[in-house]
C-alpha atoms as a PDB file:
ATOM      1  CA  MET A   1       3.977  15.378  -4.252  1.00  0.00           C
ATOM      2  CA  ARG A   2       3.856  13.086  -6.797  1.00  0.00           C
ATOM      3  CA  GLN A   3       5.520  10.321  -4.716  1.00  0.00           C
ATOM      4  CA  GLU A   4       2.473  11.006  -2.292  1.00  0.00           C
ATOM      5  CA  ILE A   5      -0.045  10.695  -4.712  1.00  0.00           C
ATOM      6  CA  GLY A   6       1.872   7.767  -6.018  1.00  0.00           C
ATOM      7  CA  LYS A   7       1.382   5.912  -2.923  1.00  0.00           C
ATOM      8  CA  ARG A   8      -2.076   6.560  -2.698  1.00  0.00           C
ATOM      9  CA  VAL A   9      -3.026   5.328  -6.125  1.00  0.00           C
ATOM     10  CA  LYS A  10      -1.379   2.120  -5.353  1.00  0.00           C
ATOM     11  CA  PHE A  11      -2.908   1.732  -1.779  1.00  0.00           C
ATOM     12  CA  VAL A  12      -6.584   2.592  -3.611  1.00  0.00           C
ATOM     13  CA  ARG A  13      -5.492  -0.208  -6.326  1.00  0.00           C
ATOM     14  CA  GLN A  14      -4.456  -2.903  -3.735  1.00  0.00           C
ATOM     15  CA  LYS A  15      -7.188  -2.391  -1.629  1.00  0.00           C
ATOM     16  CA  LYS A  16      -9.404  -3.506  -4.613  1.00  0.00           C
ATOM     17  CA  GLY A  17      -7.431  -6.008  -5.304  1.00  0.00           C
ATOM     18  CA  TYR A  18      -6.304  -5.119  -8.637  1.00  0.00           C
ATOM     19  CA  SER A  19      -3.205  -5.611 -10.786  1.00  0.00           C
ATOM     20  CA  GLN A  20      -1.558  -2.713 -12.490  1.00  0.00           C
ATOM     21  CA  LYS A  21      -2.898  -4.022 -15.588  1.00  0.00           C
ATOM     22  CA  GLU A  22      -6.346  -4.372 -14.240  1.00  0.00           C
ATOM     23  CA  TYR A  23      -6.408  -0.924 -12.654  1.00  0.00           C
ATOM     24  CA  ALA A  24      -5.155   0.831 -15.764  1.00  0.00           C
ATOM     25  CA  VAL A  25      -8.068  -0.829 -17.768  1.00  0.00           C
ATOM     26  CA  GLU A  26     -10.576   0.644 -15.247  1.00  0.00           C
ATOM     27  CA  LEU A  27      -9.107   4.213 -15.262  1.00  0.00           C
ATOM     28  CA  GLY A  28      -8.355   4.259 -19.206  1.00  0.00           C
ATOM     29  CA  HIS A  29      -4.648   4.194 -18.989  1.00  0.00           C
ATOM     30  CA  SER A  30      -1.857   1.967 -19.775  1.00  0.00           C
ATOM     31  CA  LYS A  31      -0.001  -0.550 -17.278  1.00  0.00           C
ATOM     32  CA  THR A  32       3.205   1.875 -17.952  1.00  0.00           C
ATOM     33  CA  TYR A  33       1.306   4.860 -16.933  1.00  0.00           C
ATOM     34  CA  ILE A  34       0.148   3.483 -13.574  1.00  0.00           C
ATOM     35  CA  ARG A  35       3.526   2.331 -12.569  1.00  0.00           C
ATOM     36  CA  ASN A  36       5.108   5.374 -13.628  1.00  0.00           C
ATOM     37  CA  VAL A  37       2.335   7.442 -11.027  1.00  0.00           C
ATOM     38  CA  GLU A  38       2.846   5.009  -8.186  1.00  0.00           C
ATOM     39  CA  THR A  39       6.718   5.226  -8.593  1.00  0.00           C
ATOM     40  CA  GLY A  40       6.329   9.024  -8.778  1.00  0.00           C
ATOM     41  CA  THR A  41       7.876   9.142 -12.173  1.00  0.00           C
ATOM     42  CA  SER A  42       5.295  10.455 -14.231  1.00  0.00           C
ATOM     43  CA  LYS A  43       5.311  14.162 -15.052  1.00  0.00           C
ATOM     44  CA  SER A  44       1.491  14.483 -15.035  1.00  0.00           C
ATOM     45  CA  ILE A  45      -1.375  13.008 -13.226  1.00  0.00           C
ATOM     46  CA  TYR A  46      -4.776  13.175 -14.990  1.00  0.00           C
ATOM     47  CA  ILE A  47      -7.694  14.849 -13.011  1.00  0.00           C
ATOM     48  CA  HIS A  48      -9.721  11.788 -12.962  1.00  0.00           C
ATOM     49  CA  ILE A  49      -7.098   9.882 -11.022  1.00  0.00           C
ATOM     50  CA  LEU A  50      -7.075  12.790  -8.513  1.00  0.00           C
ATOM     51  CA  GLU A  51     -11.028  12.323  -8.397  1.00  0.00           C
ATOM     52  CA  GLU A  52     -10.654   8.821  -7.811  1.00  0.00           C
ATOM     53  CA  LEU A  53      -8.418   9.415  -4.740  1.00  0.00           C
ATOM     54  CA  GLU A  54     -10.987  11.865  -3.599  1.00  0.00           C
ATOM     55  CA  LYS A  55     -14.019   9.634  -3.723  1.00  0.00           C
ATOM     56  CA  GLU A  56     -11.691   7.350  -1.654  1.00  0.00           C
ATOM     57  CA  GLY A  57     -11.086  10.046   0.913  1.00  0.00           C
ATOM     58  CA  LEU A  58      -7.730  10.198   0.066  1.00  0.00           C
ATOM     59  CA  PHE A  59      -6.978  13.406  -1.744  1.00  0.00           C
ATOM     60  CA  SER A  60      -8.658  16.612  -0.805  1.00  0.00           C
ATOM     61  CA  SER A  61      -8.272  20.312  -2.009  1.00  0.00           C
ATOM     62  CA  GLY A  62      -4.965  19.602  -3.730  1.00  0.00           C
ATOM     63  CA  LEU A  63      -3.406  17.851  -0.503  1.00  0.00           C
ATOM     64  CA  PRO A  64      -3.182  14.318   0.293  1.00  0.00           C
ATOM     65  CA  THR A  65      -5.385  13.419   3.665  1.00  0.00           C
ATOM     66  CA  GLN A  66      -5.351   9.740   3.760  1.00  0.00           C
ATOM     67  CA  SER A  67      -5.723   7.986   7.327  1.00  0.00           C
ATOM     68  CA  VAL A  68      -2.316   6.657   8.402  1.00  0.00           C
ATOM     69  CA  ASN A  69      -4.616   4.200  10.122  1.00  0.00           C
ATOM     70  CA  GLU A  70      -6.487   3.008   7.672  1.00  0.00           C
ATOM     71  CA  GLU A  71      -3.439   2.355   5.475  1.00  0.00           C
ATOM     72  CA  ASN A  72      -1.883   0.623   8.602  1.00  0.00           C
ATOM     73  CA  HIS A  73      -5.030  -1.554   8.784  1.00  0.00           C
ATOM     74  CA  PHE A  74      -5.013  -2.637   5.013  1.00  0.00           C
ATOM     75  CA  ARG A  75      -1.088  -3.211   5.343  1.00  0.00           C
ATOM     76  CA  ILE A  76      -1.665  -5.443   8.241  1.00  0.00           C
ATOM     77  CA  ASP A  77      -4.702  -7.297   6.700  1.00  0.00           C
ATOM     78  CA  ARG A  78      -2.683  -7.795   3.588  1.00  0.00           C
ATOM     79  CA  ALA A  79       0.437  -9.292   5.683  1.00  0.00           C
ATOM     80  CA  LEU A  80      -1.837 -11.547   7.533  1.00  0.00           C
ATOM     81  CA  GLN A  81      -3.259 -13.005   4.103  1.00  0.00           C
ATOM     82  CA  GLN A  82       0.470 -13.424   2.783  1.00  0.00           C
ATOM     83  CA  TYR A  83       1.505 -15.053   5.985  1.00  0.00           C
ATOM     84  CA  LYS A  84      -1.672 -17.437   5.964  1.00  0.00           C
ATOM     85  CA  GLU A  85      -0.503 -18.193   2.240  1.00  0.00           C
ATOM     86  CA  LEU A  86       2.852 -19.167   3.207  1.00  0.00           C
ATOM     87  CA  VAL A  87       1.591 -21.231   6.186  1.00  0.00           C
ATOM     88  CA  SER A  88      -0.035 -23.411   3.635  1.00  0.00           C
ATOM     89  CA  LYS A  89       2.787 -23.588   1.651  1.00  0.00           C
ATOM     90  CA  ASN A  90       5.792 -23.865   4.085  1.00  0.00           C
ATOM     91  CA  LYS A  91       5.192 -23.898   7.359  1.00  0.00           C
ATOM     92  CA  ASP A  92       8.687 -23.586   8.648  1.00  0.00           C
ATOM     93  CA  GLU A  93       9.300 -20.310   6.487  1.00  0.00           C
ATOM     94  CA  ALA A  94       6.157 -19.029   8.081  1.00  0.00           C
ATOM     95  CA  ASP A  95       7.039 -19.682  11.603  1.00  0.00           C
ATOM     96  CA  TYR A  96      10.527 -18.103  10.904  1.00  0.00           C
ATOM     97  CA  LEU A  97       9.017 -14.961   9.623  1.00  0.00           C
ATOM     98  CA  LEU A  98       6.631 -14.306  12.373  1.00  0.00           C
ATOM     99  CA  THR A  99       9.510 -15.236  14.808  1.00  0.00           C
ATOM    100  CA  CYS A 100      11.773 -12.710  13.024  1.00  0.00           C
ATOM    101  CA  PHE A 101       8.813 -10.149  13.260  1.00  0.00           C
ATOM    102  CA  GLU A 102       8.236 -10.715  16.902  1.00  0.00           C
ATOM    103  CA  ASN A 103      11.600 -10.343  17.510  1.00  0.00           C
ATOM    104  CA  GLY A 104      11.969  -7.070  15.759  1.00  0.00           C
ATOM    105  CA  LEU A 105       9.169  -5.895  17.716  1.00  0.00           C
ATOM    106  CA  ASP A 106      10.389  -6.930  21.026  1.00  0.00           C
ATOM    107  CA  LEU A 107      13.684  -5.150  20.258  1.00  0.00           C
ATOM    108  CA  HIS A 108      12.159  -1.800  19.370  1.00  0.00           C
ATOM    109  CA  LEU A 109       9.545  -1.603  22.310  1.00  0.00           C
ATOM    110  CA  SER A 110      12.421  -2.475  24.799  1.00  0.00           C
ATOM    111  CA  LYS A 111      14.604   0.090  23.004  1.00  0.00           C
ATOM    112  CA  LYS A 112      11.805   2.765  23.398  1.00  0.00           C
ATOM    113  CA  LYS A 113      11.657   1.858  27.288  1.00  0.00           C
ATOM    114  CA  ASN A 114      15.509   2.759  27.717  1.00  0.00           C
ATOM    115  CA  TYR A 115      14.574   6.083  26.487  1.00  0.00           C
END
């Protein structure tokens, strides 16, 4: 359960565009504590962190309830922004990465059809 909560803390932090240090300051903790929560290695999670997750709709009644679609949408948006940044720095590497992604999808989808 700690690892699941940690994933949700990281998701909220990234959604807000914060570094671990910035998020730690906002929550009143050290960067190390936030890192430990995110990786699931912290032995304790303060109630106000759970309240922050609940406010974001990612925790309720003691059980995580994050929408997979919301997380996937965030991850795709983030990947697109990173891809655009890579295009501006190195178009050839960006094209290679996109080609690998497309080929991976094609391969996966073609395997699904064979089952």
